[in-house]
């Protein structure tokens, strides 16, 4: 909540590198695992 947009993007990039369960959603798909 307190992170800026730039910091959110940095945190997202970090988790995408470290966590194999997280990935960017393809624009052609809308399904997301809950």
ModelCIF file with pLDDT and N, C-alpha, C, O atoms, coordinates in Angstrom:
data_MODEL
#
_entry.id   MODEL 
#
_entity.id                         1 
_entity.type                       polymer 
_entity.pdbx_number_of_molecules   1 
#
_entity_poly.entity_id                      1 
_entity_poly.type                           'polypeptide(L)' 
_entity_poly.nstd_linkage                   no 
_entity_poly.nstd_monomer                   no 
_entity_poly.pdbx_seq_one_letter_code       
;(UNK)(UNK)(UNK)(UNK)(UNK)(UNK)(UNK)(UNK)(UNK)(UNK)(UNK)(UNK)(UNK)(UNK)(UNK)(UNK)
(UNK)(UNK)(UNK)(UNK)(UNK)(UNK)(UNK)(UNK)(UNK)(UNK)(UNK)(UNK)(UNK)(UNK)(UNK)(UNK)
(UNK)(UNK)
;
_entity_poly.pdbx_seq_one_letter_code_can   XXXXXXXXXXXXXXXXXXXXXXXXXXXXXXXXXX 
_entity_poly.pdbx_strand_id                 A 
#
loop_
_entity_poly_seq.entity_id 
_entity_poly_seq.num 
_entity_poly_seq.mon_id 
_entity_poly_seq.hetero 
1 1  UNK n 
1 2  UNK n 
1 3  UNK n 
1 4  UNK n 
1 5  UNK n 
1 6  UNK n 
1 7  UNK n 
1 8  UNK n 
1 9  UNK n 
1 10 UNK n 
1 11 UNK n 
1 12 UNK n 
1 13 UNK n 
1 14 UNK n 
1 15 UNK n 
1 16 UNK n 
1 17 UNK n 
1 18 UNK n 
1 19 UNK n 
1 20 UNK n 
1 21 UNK n 
1 22 UNK n 
1 23 UNK n 
1 24 UNK n 
1 25 UNK n 
1 26 UNK n 
1 27 UNK n 
1 28 UNK n 
1 29 UNK n 
1 30 UNK n 
1 31 UNK n 
1 32 UNK n 
1 33 UNK n 
1 34 UNK n 
#
_struct_asym.id          A 
_struct_asym.entity_id   1 
#
loop_
_ma_qa_metric.id 
_ma_qa_metric.mode 
_ma_qa_metric.name 
_ma_qa_metric.software_group_id 
_ma_qa_metric.type 
1 global pLDDT . pLDDT 
2 local  pLDDT . pLDDT 
#
_ma_qa_metric_global.metric_id      1 
_ma_qa_metric_global.metric_value   74.09 
_ma_qa_metric_global.model_id       1 
_ma_qa_metric_global.ordinal_id     1 
#
loop_
_ma_qa_metric_local.label_asym_id 
_ma_qa_metric_local.label_comp_id 
_ma_qa_metric_local.label_seq_id 
_ma_qa_metric_local.metric_id 
_ma_qa_metric_local.metric_value 
_ma_qa_metric_local.model_id 
_ma_qa_metric_local.ordinal_id 
A UNK 1  2 84.00 1 1  
A UNK 2  2 83.00 1 2  
A UNK 3  2 86.00 1 3  
A UNK 4  2 86.00 1 4  
A UNK 5  2 85.00 1 5  
A UNK 6  2 85.00 1 6  
A UNK 7  2 87.00 1 7  
A UNK 8  2 87.00 1 8  
A UNK 9  2 87.00 1 9  
A UNK 10 2 88.00 1 10 
A UNK 11 2 88.00 1 11 
A UNK 12 2 88.00 1 12 
A UNK 13 2 89.00 1 13 
A UNK 14 2 89.00 1 14 
A UNK 15 2 86.00 1 15 
A UNK 16 2 87.00 1 16 
A UNK 17 2 88.00 1 17 
A UNK 18 2 85.00 1 18 
A UNK 19 2 82.00 1 19 
A UNK 20 2 84.00 1 20 
A UNK 21 2 82.00 1 21 
A UNK 22 2 83.00 1 22 
A UNK 23 2 87.00 1 23 
A UNK 24 2 86.00 1 24 
A UNK 25 2 78.00 1 25 
A UNK 26 2 62.00 1 26 
A UNK 27 2 42.00 1 27 
A UNK 28 2 42.00 1 28 
A UNK 29 2 42.00 1 29 
A UNK 30 2 40.00 1 30 
A UNK 31 2 41.00 1 31 
A UNK 32 2 38.00 1 32 
A UNK 33 2 35.00 1 33 
A UNK 34 2 37.00 1 34 
#
loop_
_atom_site.group_PDB 
_atom_site.id 
_atom_site.type_symbol 
_atom_site.label_atom_id 
_atom_site.label_alt_id 
_atom_site.label_comp_id 
_atom_site.label_asym_id 
_atom_site.label_entity_id 
_atom_site.label_seq_id 
_atom_site.pdbx_PDB_ins_code 
_atom_site.Cartn_x 
_atom_site.Cartn_y 
_atom_site.Cartn_z 
_atom_site.occupancy 
_atom_site.B_iso_or_equiv 
_atom_site.pdbx_formal_charge 
_atom_site.auth_seq_id 
_atom_site.auth_comp_id 
_atom_site.auth_asym_id 
_atom_site.auth_atom_id 
_atom_site.pdbx_PDB_model_num 
ATOM 1   N N  . UNK A 1 1  ? 0.815  -1.207  0.000   1.00 84.00 ? 1  UNK A N  1 
ATOM 2   C CA . UNK A 1 1  ? 0.000  0.000   0.000   1.00 84.00 ? 1  UNK A CA 1 
ATOM 3   C C  . UNK A 1 1  ? 0.852  1.261   0.000   1.00 84.00 ? 1  UNK A C  1 
ATOM 4   O O  . UNK A 1 1  ? 0.469  2.277   -0.581  1.00 84.00 ? 1  UNK A O  1 
ATOM 5   N N  . UNK A 1 2  ? 2.008  1.194   0.654   1.00 83.00 ? 2  UNK A N  1 
ATOM 6   C CA . UNK A 1 2  ? 2.833  2.389   0.766   1.00 83.00 ? 2  UNK A CA 1 
ATOM 7   C C  . UNK A 1 2  ? 3.897  2.494   -0.329  1.00 83.00 ? 2  UNK A C  1 
ATOM 8   O O  . UNK A 1 2  ? 4.610  3.494   -0.399  1.00 83.00 ? 2  UNK A O  1 
ATOM 9   N N  . UNK A 1 3  ? 4.012  1.468   -1.187  1.00 86.00 ? 3  UNK A N  1 
ATOM 10  C CA . UNK A 1 3  ? 4.996  1.520   -2.262  1.00 86.00 ? 3  UNK A CA 1 
ATOM 11  C C  . UNK A 1 3  ? 4.484  2.376   -3.421  1.00 86.00 ? 3  UNK A C  1 
ATOM 12  O O  . UNK A 1 3  ? 3.283  2.429   -3.686  1.00 86.00 ? 3  UNK A O  1 
ATOM 13  N N  . UNK A 1 4  ? 5.409  3.040   -4.100  1.00 86.00 ? 4  UNK A N  1 
ATOM 14  C CA . UNK A 1 4  ? 5.067  3.799   -5.290  1.00 86.00 ? 4  UNK A CA 1 
ATOM 15  C C  . UNK A 1 4  ? 4.925  2.851   -6.473  1.00 86.00 ? 4  UNK A C  1 
ATOM 16  O O  . UNK A 1 4  ? 5.210  1.659   -6.351  1.00 86.00 ? 4  UNK A O  1 
ATOM 17  N N  . UNK A 1 5  ? 4.485  3.374   -7.621  1.00 85.00 ? 5  UNK A N  1 
ATOM 18  C CA . UNK A 1 5  ? 4.326  2.549   -8.812  1.00 85.00 ? 5  UNK A CA 1 
ATOM 19  C C  . UNK A 1 5  ? 5.660  1.952   -9.249  1.00 85.00 ? 5  UNK A C  1 
ATOM 20  O O  . UNK A 1 5  ? 5.727  0.781   -9.622  1.00 85.00 ? 5  UNK A O  1 
ATOM 21  N N  . UNK A 1 6  ? 6.721  2.756   -9.201  1.00 85.00 ? 6  UNK A N  1 
ATOM 22  C CA . UNK A 1 6  ? 8.042  2.258   -9.565  1.00 85.00 ? 6  UNK A CA 1 
ATOM 23  C C  . UNK A 1 6  ? 8.464  1.136   -8.628  1.00 85.00 ? 6  UNK A C  1 
ATOM 24  O O  . UNK A 1 6  ? 8.987  0.115   -9.075  1.00 85.00 ? 6  UNK A O  1 
ATOM 25  N N  . UNK A 1 7  ? 8.240  1.320   -7.328  1.00 87.00 ? 7  UNK A N  1 
ATOM 26  C CA . UNK A 1 7  ? 8.611  0.294   -6.358  1.00 87.00 ? 7  UNK A CA 1 
ATOM 27  C C  . UNK A 1 7  ? 7.755  -0.956  -6.506  1.00 87.00 ? 7  UNK A C  1 
ATOM 28  O O  . UNK A 1 7  ? 8.236  -2.065  -6.274  1.00 87.00 ? 7  UNK A O  1 
ATOM 29  N N  . UNK A 1 8  ? 6.491  -0.790  -6.891  1.00 87.00 ? 8  UNK A N  1 
ATOM 30  C CA . UNK A 1 8  ? 5.635  -1.947  -7.147  1.00 87.00 ? 8  UNK A CA 1 
ATOM 31  C C  . UNK A 1 8  ? 6.181  -2.762  -8.308  1.00 87.00 ? 8  UNK A C  1 
ATOM 32  O O  . UNK A 1 8  ? 6.230  -3.991  -8.245  1.00 87.00 ? 8  UNK A O  1 
ATOM 33  N N  . UNK A 1 9  ? 6.591  -2.077  -9.364  1.00 87.00 ? 9  UNK A N  1 
ATOM 34  C CA . UNK A 1 9  ? 7.165  -2.772  -10.512 1.00 87.00 ? 9  UNK A CA 1 
ATOM 35  C C  . UNK A 1 9  ? 8.458  -3.491  -10.139 1.00 87.00 ? 9  UNK A C  1 
ATOM 36  O O  . UNK A 1 9  ? 8.719  -4.592  -10.623 1.00 87.00 ? 9  UNK A O  1 
ATOM 37  N N  . UNK A 1 10 ? 9.263  -2.875  -9.286  1.00 88.00 ? 10 UNK A N  1 
ATOM 38  C CA . UNK A 1 10 ? 10.499 -3.511  -8.845  1.00 88.00 ? 10 UNK A CA 1 
ATOM 39  C C  . UNK A 1 10 ? 10.203 -4.737  -7.987  1.00 88.00 ? 10 UNK A C  1 
ATOM 40  O O  . UNK A 1 10 ? 10.852 -5.772  -8.136  1.00 88.00 ? 10 UNK A O  1 
ATOM 41  N N  . UNK A 1 11 ? 9.225  -4.623  -7.091  1.00 88.00 ? 11 UNK A N  1 
ATOM 42  C CA . UNK A 1 11 ? 8.847  -5.757  -6.247  1.00 88.00 ? 11 UNK A CA 1 
ATOM 43  C C  . UNK A 1 11 ? 8.250  -6.883  -7.091  1.00 88.00 ? 11 UNK A C  1 
ATOM 44  O O  . UNK A 1 11 ? 8.507  -8.059  -6.833  1.00 88.00 ? 11 UNK A O  1 
ATOM 45  N N  . UNK A 1 12 ? 7.463  -6.527  -8.088  1.00 88.00 ? 12 UNK A N  1 
ATOM 46  C CA . UNK A 1 12 ? 6.894  -7.529  -8.987  1.00 88.00 ? 12 UNK A CA 1 
ATOM 47  C C  . UNK A 1 12 ? 7.989  -8.258  -9.746  1.00 88.00 ? 12 UNK A C  1 
ATOM 48  O O  . UNK A 1 12 ? 7.952  -9.482  -9.869  1.00 88.00 ? 12 UNK A O  1 
ATOM 49  N N  . UNK A 1 13 ? 8.964  -7.514  -10.258 1.00 89.00 ? 13 UNK A N  1 
ATOM 50  C CA . UNK A 1 13 ? 10.071 -8.129  -10.995 1.00 89.00 ? 13 UNK A CA 1 
ATOM 51  C C  . UNK A 1 13 ? 10.869 -9.065  -10.100 1.00 89.00 ? 13 UNK A C  1 
ATOM 52  O O  . UNK A 1 13 ? 11.309 -10.130 -10.534 1.00 89.00 ? 13 UNK A O  1 
ATOM 53  N N  . UNK A 1 14 ? 11.054 -8.658  -8.841  1.00 89.00 ? 14 UNK A N  1 
ATOM 54  C CA . UNK A 1 14 ? 11.804 -9.507  -7.905  1.00 89.00 ? 14 UNK A CA 1 
ATOM 55  C C  . UNK A 1 14 ? 11.083 -10.834 -7.664  1.00 89.00 ? 14 UNK A C  1 
ATOM 56  O O  . UNK A 1 14 ? 11.701 -11.898 -7.705  1.00 89.00 ? 14 UNK A O  1 
ATOM 57  N N  . UNK A 1 15 ? 9.778  -10.766 -7.414  1.00 86.00 ? 15 UNK A N  1 
ATOM 58  C CA . UNK A 1 15 ? 9.020  -11.992 -7.155  1.00 86.00 ? 15 UNK A CA 1 
ATOM 59  C C  . UNK A 1 15 ? 8.923  -12.867 -8.398  1.00 86.00 ? 15 UNK A C  1 
ATOM 60  O O  . UNK A 1 15 ? 8.934  -14.093 -8.294  1.00 86.00 ? 15 UNK A O  1 
ATOM 61  N N  . UNK A 1 16 ? 8.829  -12.252 -9.565  1.00 87.00 ? 16 UNK A N  1 
ATOM 62  C CA . UNK A 1 16 ? 8.787  -13.042 -10.800 1.00 87.00 ? 16 UNK A CA 1 
ATOM 63  C C  . UNK A 1 16 ? 10.081 -13.824 -10.991 1.00 87.00 ? 16 UNK A C  1 
ATOM 64  O O  . UNK A 1 16 ? 10.072 -14.925 -11.541 1.00 87.00 ? 16 UNK A O  1 
ATOM 65  N N  . UNK A 1 17 ? 11.193 -13.253 -10.537 1.00 88.00 ? 17 UNK A N  1 
ATOM 66  C CA . UNK A 1 17 ? 12.483 -13.945 -10.629 1.00 88.00 ? 17 UNK A CA 1 
ATOM 67  C C  . UNK A 1 17 ? 12.619 -15.041 -9.591  1.00 88.00 ? 17 UNK A C  1 
ATOM 68  O O  . UNK A 1 17 ? 13.218 -16.082 -9.861  1.00 88.00 ? 17 UNK A O  1 
ATOM 69  N N  . UNK A 1 18 ? 12.062 -14.816 -8.390  1.00 85.00 ? 18 UNK A N  1 
ATOM 70  C CA . UNK A 1 18 ? 12.290 -15.731 -7.272  1.00 85.00 ? 18 UNK A CA 1 
ATOM 71  C C  . UNK A 1 18 ? 11.210 -16.787 -7.116  1.00 85.00 ? 18 UNK A C  1 
ATOM 72  O O  . UNK A 1 18 ? 11.475 -17.871 -6.597  1.00 85.00 ? 18 UNK A O  1 
ATOM 73  N N  . UNK A 1 19 ? 9.983  -16.481 -7.563  1.00 82.00 ? 19 UNK A N  1 
ATOM 74  C CA . UNK A 1 19 ? 8.865  -17.380 -7.307  1.00 82.00 ? 19 UNK A CA 1 
ATOM 75  C C  . UNK A 1 19 ? 8.362  -17.992 -8.618  1.00 82.00 ? 19 UNK A C  1 
ATOM 76  O O  . UNK A 1 19 ? 7.793  -17.287 -9.451  1.00 82.00 ? 19 UNK A O  1 
ATOM 77  N N  . UNK A 1 20 ? 8.571  -19.305 -8.808  1.00 84.00 ? 20 UNK A N  1 
ATOM 78  C CA . UNK A 1 20 ? 8.146  -19.928 -10.079 1.00 84.00 ? 20 UNK A CA 1 
ATOM 79  C C  . UNK A 1 20 ? 6.634  -20.026 -10.231 1.00 84.00 ? 20 UNK A C  1 
ATOM 80  O O  . UNK A 1 20 ? 6.140  -20.279 -11.330 1.00 84.00 ? 20 UNK A O  1 
ATOM 81  N N  . UNK A 1 21 ? 5.882  -19.826 -9.126  1.00 82.00 ? 21 UNK A N  1 
ATOM 82  C CA . UNK A 1 21 ? 4.431  -19.932 -9.201  1.00 82.00 ? 21 UNK A CA 1 
ATOM 83  C C  . UNK A 1 21 ? 3.780  -18.651 -9.725  1.00 82.00 ? 21 UNK A C  1 
ATOM 84  O O  . UNK A 1 21 ? 2.577  -18.623 -9.985  1.00 82.00 ? 21 UNK A O  1 
ATOM 85  N N  . UNK A 1 22 ? 4.576  -17.599 -9.878  1.00 83.00 ? 22 UNK A N  1 
ATOM 86  C CA . UNK A 1 22 ? 4.042  -16.309 -10.311 1.00 83.00 ? 22 UNK A CA 1 
ATOM 87  C C  . UNK A 1 22 ? 4.519  -16.023 -11.719 1.00 83.00 ? 22 UNK A C  1 
ATOM 88  O O  . UNK A 1 22 ? 5.700  -16.193 -12.022 1.00 83.00 ? 22 UNK A O  1 
ATOM 89  N N  . UNK A 1 23 ? 3.616  -15.592 -12.580 1.00 87.00 ? 23 UNK A N  1 
ATOM 90  C CA . UNK A 1 23 ? 3.980  -15.248 -13.946 1.00 87.00 ? 23 UNK A CA 1 
ATOM 91  C C  . UNK A 1 23 ? 3.104  -14.116 -14.441 1.00 87.00 ? 23 UNK A C  1 
ATOM 92  O O  . UNK A 1 23 ? 2.028  -13.854 -13.904 1.00 87.00 ? 23 UNK A O  1 
ATOM 93  N N  . UNK A 1 24 ? 3.592  -13.446 -15.486 1.00 86.00 ? 24 UNK A N  1 
ATOM 94  C CA . UNK A 1 24 ? 2.791  -12.400 -16.115 1.00 86.00 ? 24 UNK A CA 1 
ATOM 95  C C  . UNK A 1 24 ? 1.702  -13.040 -16.942 1.00 86.00 ? 24 UNK A C  1 
ATOM 96  O O  . UNK A 1 24 ? 1.916  -14.048 -17.614 1.00 86.00 ? 24 UNK A O  1 
ATOM 97  N N  . UNK A 1 25 ? 0.536  -12.440 -16.882 1.00 78.00 ? 25 UNK A N  1 
ATOM 98  C CA . UNK A 1 25 ? -0.583 -12.975 -17.639 1.00 78.00 ? 25 UNK A CA 1 
ATOM 99  C C  . UNK A 1 25 ? -0.483 -12.540 -19.085 1.00 78.00 ? 25 UNK A C  1 
ATOM 100 O O  . UNK A 1 25 ? -0.279 -11.364 -19.387 1.00 78.00 ? 25 UNK A O  1 
ATOM 101 N N  . UNK A 1 26 ? -0.630 -13.509 -19.974 1.00 62.00 ? 26 UNK A N  1 
ATOM 102 C CA . UNK A 1 26 ? -0.604 -13.215 -21.408 1.00 62.00 ? 26 UNK A CA 1 
ATOM 103 C C  . UNK A 1 26 ? -1.844 -12.402 -21.758 1.00 62.00 ? 26 UNK A C  1 
ATOM 104 O O  . UNK A 1 26 ? -2.939 -12.680 -21.268 1.00 62.00 ? 26 UNK A O  1 
ATOM 105 N N  . UNK A 1 27 ? -1.664 -11.396 -22.609 1.00 42.00 ? 27 UNK A N  1 
ATOM 106 C CA . UNK A 1 27 ? -2.800 -10.557 -22.981 1.00 42.00 ? 27 UNK A CA 1 
ATOM 107 C C  . UNK A 1 27 ? -3.905 -11.347 -23.667 1.00 42.00 ? 27 UNK A C  1 
ATOM 108 O O  . UNK A 1 27 ? -5.063 -10.928 -23.656 1.00 42.00 ? 27 UNK A O  1 
ATOM 109 N N  . UNK A 1 28 ? -3.560 -12.485 -24.265 1.00 42.00 ? 28 UNK A N  1 
ATOM 110 C CA . UNK A 1 28 ? -4.561 -13.263 -24.990 1.00 42.00 ? 28 UNK A CA 1 
ATOM 111 C C  . UNK A 1 28 ? -5.350 -14.191 -24.101 1.00 42.00 ? 28 UNK A C  1 
ATOM 112 O O  . UNK A 1 28 ? -6.300 -14.825 -24.561 1.00 42.00 ? 28 UNK A O  1 
ATOM 113 N N  . UNK A 1 29 ? -4.971 -14.288 -22.803 1.00 42.00 ? 29 UNK A N  1 
ATOM 114 C CA . UNK A 1 29 ? -5.684 -15.154 -21.871 1.00 42.00 ? 29 UNK A CA 1 
ATOM 115 C C  . UNK A 1 29 ? -6.148 -14.358 -20.690 1.00 42.00 ? 29 UNK A C  1 
ATOM 116 O O  . UNK A 1 29 ? -5.504 -13.385 -20.299 1.00 42.00 ? 29 UNK A O  1 
ATOM 117 N N  . UNK A 1 30 ? -7.265 -14.757 -20.112 1.00 40.00 ? 30 UNK A N  1 
ATOM 118 C CA . UNK A 1 30 ? -7.822 -14.058 -18.964 1.00 40.00 ? 30 UNK A CA 1 
ATOM 119 C C  . UNK A 1 30 ? -7.948 -14.964 -17.750 1.00 40.00 ? 30 UNK A C  1 
ATOM 120 O O  . UNK A 1 30 ? -8.315 -14.498 -16.671 1.00 40.00 ? 30 UNK A O  1 
ATOM 121 N N  . UNK A 1 31 ? -7.647 -16.264 -17.907 1.00 41.00 ? 31 UNK A N  1 
ATOM 122 C CA . UNK A 1 31 ? -7.815 -17.183 -16.793 1.00 41.00 ? 31 UNK A CA 1 
ATOM 123 C C  . UNK A 1 31 ? -6.691 -17.015 -15.802 1.00 41.00 ? 31 UNK A C  1 
ATOM 124 O O  . UNK A 1 31 ? -5.526 -16.929 -16.189 1.00 41.00 ? 31 UNK A O  1 
ATOM 125 N N  . UNK A 1 32 ? -7.027 -16.968 -14.523 1.00 38.00 ? 32 UNK A N  1 
ATOM 126 C CA . UNK A 1 32 ? -6.055 -16.831 -13.462 1.00 38.00 ? 32 UNK A CA 1 
ATOM 127 C C  . UNK A 1 32 ? -6.343 -17.853 -12.388 1.00 38.00 ? 32 UNK A C  1 
ATOM 128 O O  . UNK A 1 32 ? -7.487 -18.018 -11.964 1.00 38.00 ? 32 UNK A O  1 
ATOM 129 N N  . UNK A 1 33 ? -5.312 -18.533 -11.952 1.00 35.00 ? 33 UNK A N  1 
ATOM 130 C CA . UNK A 1 33 ? -5.492 -19.576 -10.957 1.00 35.00 ? 33 UNK A CA 1 
ATOM 131 C C  . UNK A 1 33 ? -5.697 -18.957 -9.593  1.00 35.00 ? 33 UNK A C  1 
ATOM 132 O O  . UNK A 1 33 ? -4.884 -18.133 -9.174  1.00 35.00 ? 33 UNK A O  1 
ATOM 133 N N  . UNK A 1 34 ? -6.748 -19.321 -8.883  1.00 37.00 ? 34 UNK A N  1 
ATOM 134 C CA . UNK A 1 34 ? -7.080 -18.713 -7.606  1.00 37.00 ? 34 UNK A CA 1 
ATOM 135 C C  . UNK A 1 34 ? -6.466 -19.443 -6.435  1.00 37.00 ? 34 UNK A C  1 
ATOM 136 O O  . UNK A 1 34 ? -6.661 -19.042 -5.287  1.00 37.00 ? 34 UNK A O  1 
#
